[in-house]
Amino acid sequence: MDLIFQQMPIVIGALNEGFIQTLKLFAVTLLGALPLGLVIAFGTLSKIKIISYFAQFIIWIIRGTPLMIQLLIVYYFPGLVLKTPIWGGGESGRFLAASIAFIINYACYFSEIYRGGIQSVPIGQQEAGLVLGMTKRQIFFHVTLLQMIKRIVPPISNEIITLVKDTALARIIALQEIIWAGQAFMKGSHGISGAIWPLFFTAVYYLIFNGIVTLLLTKLEKKMDYFR
């Protein structure tokens, strides 16, 4: 027990560094995937068949294959197959590759939620907007969008909470996120080896992070109650 207390500052410091990487990947994924998902949703709803089919095809591939495989392909394919390493070396290159893989993956999931939300708004409201002289752009932003947001908050919240835990998959390309940091103490990191207890501390980080995210999303959902 005394040894654990002596090792605690070293472990907490390493886990904090890993958690910052996890937090950055989470934030970058949301910032990229939320707007990209809307663009893809518009693609699937497009009246131009080739655009609609292409968007649906991309969604089918991304949703039908594991995120772990997508991470490996995004990171290794340019260098090993195309002989054109584009990510550079070091942690920054791995973070960039992981960010792109996560953004594309979650954008496709978000797009289906957006599409369902848009289609759930009664068509009569759009027709009423046209009768009132509103443009399609005005109808979308002032009628459809706000009602869509209310409907998609619960499923989007579930995906965001899943994202918190999915960030751990980035260690497959050696991105040093929080679980990587915790597992490193089993192999010999900072002079500590054979220690499994740091992994239990990583679970505490995830529980607290998920708790905060859940609280914020619950408040957002309550603020949307005025649509009822």
C-alpha atoms as a PDB file:
ATOM      1  CA  MET A   1       0.000   0.000   0.000  1.00  0.00           C
ATOM      2  CA  ASP A   2       2.854   2.371   0.821  1.00  0.00           C
ATOM      3  CA  LEU A   3       4.318   1.667  -2.609  1.00  0.00           C
ATOM      4  CA  ILE A   4       1.020   2.620  -4.287  1.00  0.00           C
ATOM      5  CA  PHE A   5       0.926   5.921  -2.437  1.00  0.00           C
ATOM      6  CA  GLN A   6       4.499   6.603  -3.531  1.00  0.00           C
ATOM      7  CA  GLN A   7       3.640   5.834  -7.145  1.00  0.00           C
ATOM      8  CA  MET A   8       0.371   7.805  -7.094  1.00  0.00           C
ATOM      9  CA  PRO A   9       1.769  11.229  -8.183  1.00  0.00           C
ATOM     10  CA  ILE A  10       3.566   9.632 -11.146  1.00  0.00           C
ATOM     11  CA  VAL A  11       0.483   7.671 -12.217  1.00  0.00           C
ATOM     12  CA  ILE A  12      -1.918  10.601 -11.855  1.00  0.00           C
ATOM     13  CA  GLY A  13       0.421  12.828 -13.867  1.00  0.00           C
ATOM     14  CA  ALA A  14       0.585  10.295 -16.715  1.00  0.00           C
ATOM     15  CA  LEU A  15      -3.166   9.693 -16.645  1.00  0.00           C
ATOM     16  CA  ASN A  16      -3.814  13.440 -16.763  1.00  0.00           C
ATOM     17  CA  GLU A  17      -1.683  13.697 -19.912  1.00  0.00           C
ATOM     18  CA  GLY A  18      -3.565  10.797 -21.471  1.00  0.00           C
ATOM     19  CA  PHE A  19      -6.904  12.277 -20.481  1.00  0.00           C
ATOM     20  CA  ILE A  20      -6.031  15.588 -22.152  1.00  0.00           C
ATOM     21  CA  GLN A  21      -5.393  13.647 -25.370  1.00  0.00           C
ATOM     22  CA  THR A  22      -8.725  11.847 -24.934  1.00  0.00           C
ATOM     23  CA  LEU A  23     -10.506  15.146 -24.313  1.00  0.00           C
ATOM     24  CA  LYS A  24      -8.931  16.726 -27.397  1.00  0.00           C
ATOM     25  CA  LEU A  25      -9.972  13.798 -29.599  1.00  0.00           C
ATOM     26  CA  PHE A  26     -13.511  13.963 -28.208  1.00  0.00           C
ATOM     27  CA  ALA A  27     -13.802  17.718 -28.830  1.00  0.00           C
ATOM     28  CA  VAL A  28     -12.288  17.640 -32.327  1.00  0.00           C
ATOM     29  CA  THR A  29     -14.569  14.751 -33.329  1.00  0.00           C
ATOM     30  CA  LEU A  30     -17.696  16.610 -32.214  1.00  0.00           C
ATOM     31  CA  LEU A  31     -16.637  19.864 -33.871  1.00  0.00           C
ATOM     32  CA  GLY A  32     -16.039  18.064 -37.156  1.00  0.00           C
ATOM     33  CA  ALA A  33     -18.705  15.351 -37.133  1.00  0.00           C
ATOM     34  CA  LEU A  34     -21.754  17.411 -36.139  1.00  0.00           C
ATOM     35  CA  PRO A  35     -21.661  19.771 -39.176  1.00  0.00           C
ATOM     36  CA  LEU A  36     -20.322  17.104 -41.566  1.00  0.00           C
ATOM     37  CA  GLY A  37     -23.159  14.794 -40.536  1.00  0.00           C
ATOM     38  CA  LEU A  38     -25.677  17.441 -41.567  1.00  0.00           C
ATOM     39  CA  VAL A  39     -23.986  17.792 -44.961  1.00  0.00           C
ATOM     40  CA  ILE A  40     -24.135  14.016 -45.475  1.00  0.00           C
ATOM     41  CA  ALA A  41     -27.789  14.002 -44.400  1.00  0.00           C
ATOM     42  CA  PHE A  42     -28.548  16.606 -47.071  1.00  0.00           C
ATOM     43  CA  GLY A  43     -26.736  14.325 -49.515  1.00  0.00           C
ATOM     44  CA  THR A  44     -28.943  11.333 -48.692  1.00  0.00           C
ATOM     45  CA  LEU A  45     -32.059  13.525 -49.019  1.00  0.00           C
ATOM     46  CA  SER A  46     -30.905  15.079 -52.294  1.00  0.00           C
ATOM     47  CA  LYS A  47     -33.220  14.737 -55.274  1.00  0.00           C
ATOM     48  CA  ILE A  48     -30.123  14.195 -57.429  1.00  0.00           C
ATOM     49  CA  LYS A  49     -29.930  10.401 -57.408  1.00  0.00           C
ATOM     50  CA  ILE A  50     -26.173  10.074 -57.880  1.00  0.00           C
ATOM     51  CA  ILE A  51     -25.520  12.274 -54.837  1.00  0.00           C
ATOM     52  CA  SER A  52     -28.109  10.445 -52.750  1.00  0.00           C
ATOM     53  CA  TYR A  53     -26.787   6.998 -53.708  1.00  0.00           C
ATOM     54  CA  PHE A  54     -23.175   8.030 -53.098  1.00  0.00           C
ATOM     55  CA  ALA A  55     -23.985   9.391 -49.623  1.00  0.00           C
ATOM     56  CA  GLN A  56     -25.943   6.240 -48.750  1.00  0.00           C
ATOM     57  CA  PHE A  57     -23.059   4.083 -50.006  1.00  0.00           C
ATOM     58  CA  ILE A  58     -20.544   5.886 -47.781  1.00  0.00           C
ATOM     59  CA  ILE A  59     -22.854   5.531 -44.775  1.00  0.00           C
ATOM     60  CA  TRP A  60     -23.299   1.825 -45.514  1.00  0.00           C
ATOM     61  CA  ILE A  61     -19.529   1.248 -45.574  1.00  0.00           C
ATOM     62  CA  ILE A  62     -18.779   3.271 -42.434  1.00  0.00           C
ATOM     63  CA  ARG A  63     -21.647   1.861 -40.376  1.00  0.00           C
ATOM     64  CA  GLY A  64     -20.976  -1.665 -41.591  1.00  0.00           C
ATOM     65  CA  THR A  65     -17.294  -1.847 -40.613  1.00  0.00           C
ATOM     66  CA  PRO A  66     -15.637  -1.535 -37.183  1.00  0.00           C
ATOM     67  CA  LEU A  67     -14.173   1.817 -36.204  1.00  0.00           C
ATOM     68  CA  MET A  68     -10.964   0.020 -35.245  1.00  0.00           C
ATOM     69  CA  ILE A  69     -10.445  -1.166 -38.840  1.00  0.00           C
ATOM     70  CA  GLN A  70     -11.192   2.337 -40.135  1.00  0.00           C
ATOM     71  CA  LEU A  71      -8.517   3.741 -37.814  1.00  0.00           C
ATOM     72  CA  LEU A  72      -5.955   1.238 -39.089  1.00  0.00           C
ATOM     73  CA  ILE A  73      -6.815   1.939 -42.737  1.00  0.00           C
ATOM     74  CA  VAL A  74      -6.731   5.720 -42.362  1.00  0.00           C
ATOM     75  CA  TYR A  75      -3.398   5.652 -40.548  1.00  0.00           C
ATOM     76  CA  TYR A  76      -1.503   2.901 -42.404  1.00  0.00           C
ATOM     77  CA  PHE A  77      -2.999   2.810 -45.923  1.00  0.00           C
ATOM     78  CA  PRO A  78      -1.326   5.985 -47.316  1.00  0.00           C
ATOM     79  CA  GLY A  79       2.154   4.922 -46.207  1.00  0.00           C
ATOM     80  CA  LEU A  80       2.077   1.146 -46.700  1.00  0.00           C
ATOM     81  CA  VAL A  81      -0.036   0.902 -49.868  1.00  0.00           C
ATOM     82  CA  LEU A  82       0.241   4.258 -51.612  1.00  0.00           C
ATOM     83  CA  LYS A  83       3.840   4.758 -50.431  1.00  0.00           C
ATOM     84  CA  THR A  84       2.882   8.307 -49.547  1.00  0.00           C
ATOM     85  CA  PRO A  85       3.014   8.904 -45.778  1.00  0.00           C
ATOM     86  CA  ILE A  86       0.804  11.907 -45.184  1.00  0.00           C
ATOM     87  CA  TRP A  87       0.459  11.941 -41.408  1.00  0.00           C
ATOM     88  CA  GLY A  88       4.054  12.615 -40.500  1.00  0.00           C
ATOM     89  CA  GLY A  89       5.643  11.052 -37.470  1.00  0.00           C
ATOM     90  CA  GLY A  90       5.054  11.290 -33.780  1.00  0.00           C
ATOM     91  CA  GLU A  91       2.011  11.841 -31.661  1.00  0.00           C
ATOM     92  CA  SER A  92       0.664  14.734 -33.751  1.00  0.00           C
ATOM     93  CA  GLY A  93       0.453  12.556 -36.877  1.00  0.00           C
ATOM     94  CA  ARG A  94      -1.358   9.780 -35.027  1.00  0.00           C
ATOM     95  CA  PHE A  95      -3.752  12.307 -33.488  1.00  0.00           C
ATOM     96  CA  LEU A  96      -4.562  13.808 -36.891  1.00  0.00           C
ATOM     97  CA  ALA A  97      -5.243  10.380 -38.419  1.00  0.00           C
ATOM     98  CA  ALA A  98      -7.405   9.356 -35.451  1.00  0.00           C
ATOM     99  CA  SER A  99      -9.343  12.623 -35.639  1.00  0.00           C
ATOM    100  CA  ILE A 100     -10.166  12.167 -39.323  1.00  0.00           C
ATOM    101  CA  ALA A 101     -11.249   8.539 -38.807  1.00  0.00           C
ATOM    102  CA  PHE A 102     -13.449   9.477 -35.843  1.00  0.00           C
ATOM    103  CA  ILE A 103     -14.987  12.483 -37.621  1.00  0.00           C
ATOM    104  CA  ILE A 104     -15.945  10.446 -40.701  1.00  0.00           C
ATOM    105  CA  ASN A 105     -17.308   7.590 -38.589  1.00  0.00           C
ATOM    106  CA  TYR A 106     -19.446   9.702 -36.292  1.00  0.00           C
ATOM    107  CA  ALA A 107     -20.562  12.033 -39.083  1.00  0.00           C
ATOM    108  CA  CYS A 108     -22.178   9.055 -40.808  1.00  0.00           C
ATOM    109  CA  TYR A 109     -24.009   8.040 -37.634  1.00  0.00           C
ATOM    110  CA  PHE A 110     -25.083  11.625 -36.955  1.00  0.00           C
ATOM    111  CA  SER A 111     -26.291  11.975 -40.559  1.00  0.00           C
ATOM    112  CA  GLU A 112     -28.830   9.188 -40.101  1.00  0.00           C
ATOM    113  CA  ILE A 113     -30.097  10.836 -36.926  1.00  0.00           C
ATOM    114  CA  TYR A 114     -30.359  14.184 -38.750  1.00  0.00           C
ATOM    115  CA  ARG A 115     -32.182  12.546 -41.654  1.00  0.00           C
ATOM    116  CA  GLY A 116     -34.701  10.937 -39.332  1.00  0.00           C
ATOM    117  CA  GLY A 117     -35.210  14.235 -37.522  1.00  0.00           C
ATOM    118  CA  ILE A 118     -35.768  16.188 -40.735  1.00  0.00           C
ATOM    119  CA  GLN A 119     -38.207  13.630 -42.116  1.00  0.00           C
ATOM    120  CA  SER A 120     -40.122  13.527 -38.823  1.00  0.00           C
ATOM    121  CA  VAL A 121     -41.216  17.160 -39.197  1.00  0.00           C
ATOM    122  CA  PRO A 122     -44.693  17.127 -40.815  1.00  0.00           C
ATOM    123  CA  ILE A 123     -44.574  18.040 -44.509  1.00  0.00           C
ATOM    124  CA  GLY A 124     -47.624  20.244 -43.971  1.00  0.00           C
ATOM    125  CA  GLN A 125     -45.524  22.748 -42.037  1.00  0.00           C
ATOM    126  CA  GLN A 126     -43.181  23.163 -44.982  1.00  0.00           C
ATOM    127  CA  GLU A 127     -46.134  23.588 -47.315  1.00  0.00           C
ATOM    128  CA  ALA A 128     -47.586  26.204 -44.976  1.00  0.00           C
ATOM    129  CA  GLY A 129     -44.277  28.068 -45.080  1.00  0.00           C
ATOM    130  CA  LEU A 130     -44.343  28.117 -48.869  1.00  0.00           C
ATOM    131  CA  VAL A 131     -47.899  29.466 -48.812  1.00  0.00           C
ATOM    132  CA  LEU A 132     -46.728  32.259 -46.515  1.00  0.00           C
ATOM    133  CA  GLY A 133     -44.053  33.203 -49.028  1.00  0.00           C
ATOM    134  CA  MET A 134     -41.048  31.804 -47.175  1.00  0.00           C
ATOM    135  CA  THR A 135     -38.091  30.477 -49.137  1.00  0.00           C
ATOM    136  CA  LYS A 136     -36.930  26.877 -48.691  1.00  0.00           C
ATOM    137  CA  ARG A 137     -33.902  28.181 -46.796  1.00  0.00           C
ATOM    138  CA  GLN A 138     -36.115  30.163 -44.406  1.00  0.00           C
ATOM    139  CA  ILE A 139     -38.407  27.178 -43.914  1.00  0.00           C
ATOM    140  CA  PHE A 140     -35.485  24.941 -43.017  1.00  0.00           C
ATOM    141  CA  PHE A 141     -33.837  27.309 -40.524  1.00  0.00           C
ATOM    142  CA  HIS A 142     -36.993  28.773 -38.955  1.00  0.00           C
ATOM    143  CA  VAL A 143     -39.380  25.810 -39.073  1.00  0.00           C
ATOM    144  CA  THR A 144     -37.667  22.464 -39.703  1.00  0.00           C
ATOM    145  CA  LEU A 145     -34.306  22.917 -37.960  1.00  0.00           C
ATOM    146  CA  LEU A 146     -35.578  23.922 -34.534  1.00  0.00           C
ATOM    147  CA  GLN A 147     -38.109  21.103 -34.387  1.00  0.00           C
ATOM    148  CA  MET A 148     -35.519  18.653 -35.691  1.00  0.00           C
ATOM    149  CA  ILE A 149     -33.090  19.592 -32.912  1.00  0.00           C
ATOM    150  CA  LYS A 150     -35.691  18.776 -30.272  1.00  0.00           C
ATOM    151  CA  ARG A 151     -36.267  15.350 -31.785  1.00  0.00           C
ATOM    152  CA  ILE A 152     -32.614  14.413 -32.253  1.00  0.00           C
ATOM    153  CA  VAL A 153     -31.196  15.461 -28.865  1.00  0.00           C
ATOM    154  CA  PRO A 154     -31.806  12.046 -27.157  1.00  0.00           C
ATOM    155  CA  PRO A 155     -30.234   9.876 -29.936  1.00  0.00           C
ATOM    156  CA  ILE A 156     -27.411  12.375 -30.455  1.00  0.00           C
ATOM    157  CA  SER A 157     -26.772  12.278 -26.701  1.00  0.00           C
ATOM    158  CA  ASN A 158     -26.399   8.499 -26.825  1.00  0.00           C
ATOM    159  CA  GLU A 159     -23.858   8.768 -29.645  1.00  0.00           C
ATOM    160  CA  ILE A 160     -21.888  11.439 -27.785  1.00  0.00           C
ATOM    161  CA  ILE A 161     -21.706   9.289 -24.660  1.00  0.00           C
ATOM    162  CA  THR A 162     -20.555   6.373 -26.827  1.00  0.00           C
ATOM    163  CA  LEU A 163     -17.891   8.650 -28.320  1.00  0.00           C
ATOM    164  CA  VAL A 164     -16.441   9.275 -24.847  1.00  0.00           C
ATOM    165  CA  LYS A 165     -15.696   5.553 -24.545  1.00  0.00           C
ATOM    166  CA  ASP A 166     -14.805   4.970 -28.201  1.00  0.00           C
ATOM    167  CA  THR A 167     -11.849   7.351 -27.916  1.00  0.00           C
ATOM    168  CA  ALA A 168     -10.059   4.436 -26.226  1.00  0.00           C
ATOM    169  CA  LEU A 169      -9.914   2.697 -29.634  1.00  0.00           C
ATOM    170  CA  ALA A 170      -7.338   5.251 -30.782  1.00  0.00           C
ATOM    171  CA  ARG A 171      -4.663   3.293 -28.926  1.00  0.00           C
ATOM    172  CA  ILE A 172      -4.779   0.764 -31.802  1.00  0.00           C
ATOM    173  CA  ILE A 173      -2.579   3.203 -33.743  1.00  0.00           C
ATOM    174  CA  ALA A 174      -0.503   3.948 -30.631  1.00  0.00           C
ATOM    175  CA  LEU A 175      -2.180   7.258 -29.802  1.00  0.00           C
ATOM    176  CA  GLN A 176      -1.307   7.792 -26.159  1.00  0.00           C
ATOM    177  CA  GLU A 177      -4.783   8.382 -24.745  1.00  0.00           C
ATOM    178  CA  ILE A 178      -5.748   7.643 -21.143  1.00  0.00           C
ATOM    179  CA  ILE A 179      -6.053   3.837 -21.364  1.00  0.00           C
ATOM    180  CA  TRP A 180      -2.712   3.672 -23.170  1.00  0.00           C
ATOM    181  CA  ALA A 181      -1.234   5.658 -20.273  1.00  0.00           C
ATOM    182  CA  GLY A 182      -2.795   3.357 -17.678  1.00  0.00           C
ATOM    183  CA  GLN A 183      -1.782   0.162 -19.476  1.00  0.00           C
ATOM    184  CA  ALA A 184       1.797   1.380 -19.861  1.00  0.00           C
ATOM    185  CA  PHE A 185       2.375   0.856 -16.133  1.00  0.00           C
ATOM    186  CA  MET A 186       1.835  -2.882 -16.625  1.00  0.00           C
ATOM    187  CA  LYS A 187       4.659  -2.997 -19.168  1.00  0.00           C
ATOM    188  CA  GLY A 188       7.112  -0.666 -17.468  1.00  0.00           C
ATOM    189  CA  SER A 189       6.532   3.084 -17.617  1.00  0.00           C
ATOM    190  CA  HIS A 190       8.195   5.771 -15.505  1.00  0.00           C
ATOM    191  CA  GLY A 191      10.050   3.045 -13.646  1.00  0.00           C
ATOM    192  CA  ILE A 192       6.805   1.222 -12.720  1.00  0.00           C
ATOM    193  CA  SER A 193       6.008  -2.248 -14.079  1.00  0.00           C
ATOM    194  CA  GLY A 194       3.470  -4.960 -13.307  1.00  0.00           C
ATOM    195  CA  ALA A 195       0.983  -2.448 -11.832  1.00  0.00           C
ATOM    196  CA  ILE A 196      -2.627  -3.019 -12.881  1.00  0.00           C
ATOM    197  CA  TRP A 197      -4.285  -0.612 -10.472  1.00  0.00           C
ATOM    198  CA  PRO A 198      -3.741   2.453 -12.743  1.00  0.00           C
ATOM    199  CA  LEU A 199      -6.225   0.876 -15.181  1.00  0.00           C
ATOM    200  CA  PHE A 200      -8.928   1.076 -12.519  1.00  0.00           C
ATOM    201  CA  PHE A 201      -8.194   4.781 -12.180  1.00  0.00           C
ATOM    202  CA  THR A 202      -8.833   5.235 -15.916  1.00  0.00           C
ATOM    203  CA  ALA A 203     -12.371   3.929 -15.316  1.00  0.00           C
ATOM    204  CA  VAL A 204     -12.872   6.701 -12.750  1.00  0.00           C
ATOM    205  CA  TYR A 205     -11.826   9.314 -15.329  1.00  0.00           C
ATOM    206  CA  TYR A 206     -14.361   7.927 -17.815  1.00  0.00           C
ATOM    207  CA  LEU A 207     -17.123   7.803 -15.207  1.00  0.00           C
ATOM    208  CA  ILE A 208     -16.569  11.424 -14.223  1.00  0.00           C
ATOM    209  CA  PHE A 209     -16.257  12.564 -17.852  1.00  0.00           C
ATOM    210  CA  ASN A 210     -19.408  10.691 -18.853  1.00  0.00           C
ATOM    211  CA  GLY A 211     -21.233  12.077 -15.825  1.00  0.00           C
ATOM    212  CA  ILE A 212     -20.412  15.659 -16.799  1.00  0.00           C
ATOM    213  CA  VAL A 213     -21.365  15.057 -20.453  1.00  0.00           C
ATOM    214  CA  THR A 214     -24.637  13.408 -19.423  1.00  0.00           C
ATOM    215  CA  LEU A 215     -25.473  16.313 -17.110  1.00  0.00           C
ATOM    216  CA  LEU A 216     -24.857  18.882 -19.844  1.00  0.00           C
ATOM    217  CA  LEU A 217     -26.903  16.943 -22.398  1.00  0.00           C
ATOM    218  CA  THR A 218     -29.762  16.538 -19.915  1.00  0.00           C
ATOM    219  CA  LYS A 219     -29.824  20.300 -19.367  1.00  0.00           C
ATOM    220  CA  LEU A 220     -29.863  20.836 -23.132  1.00  0.00           C
ATOM    221  CA  GLU A 221     -32.783  18.448 -23.512  1.00  0.00           C
ATOM    222  CA  LYS A 222     -34.736  20.285 -20.808  1.00  0.00           C
ATOM    223  CA  LYS A 223     -34.103  23.611 -22.531  1.00  0.00           C
ATOM    224  CA  MET A 224     -35.729  22.192 -25.680  1.00  0.00           C
ATOM    225  CA  ASP A 225     -38.958  21.412 -23.772  1.00  0.00           C
ATOM    226  CA  TYR A 226     -40.609  24.540 -25.134  1.00  0.00           C
ATOM    227  CA  PHE A 227     -41.238  22.629 -28.387  1.00  0.00           C
ATOM    228  CA  ARG A 228     -43.694  20.311 -26.595  1.00  0.00           C
END
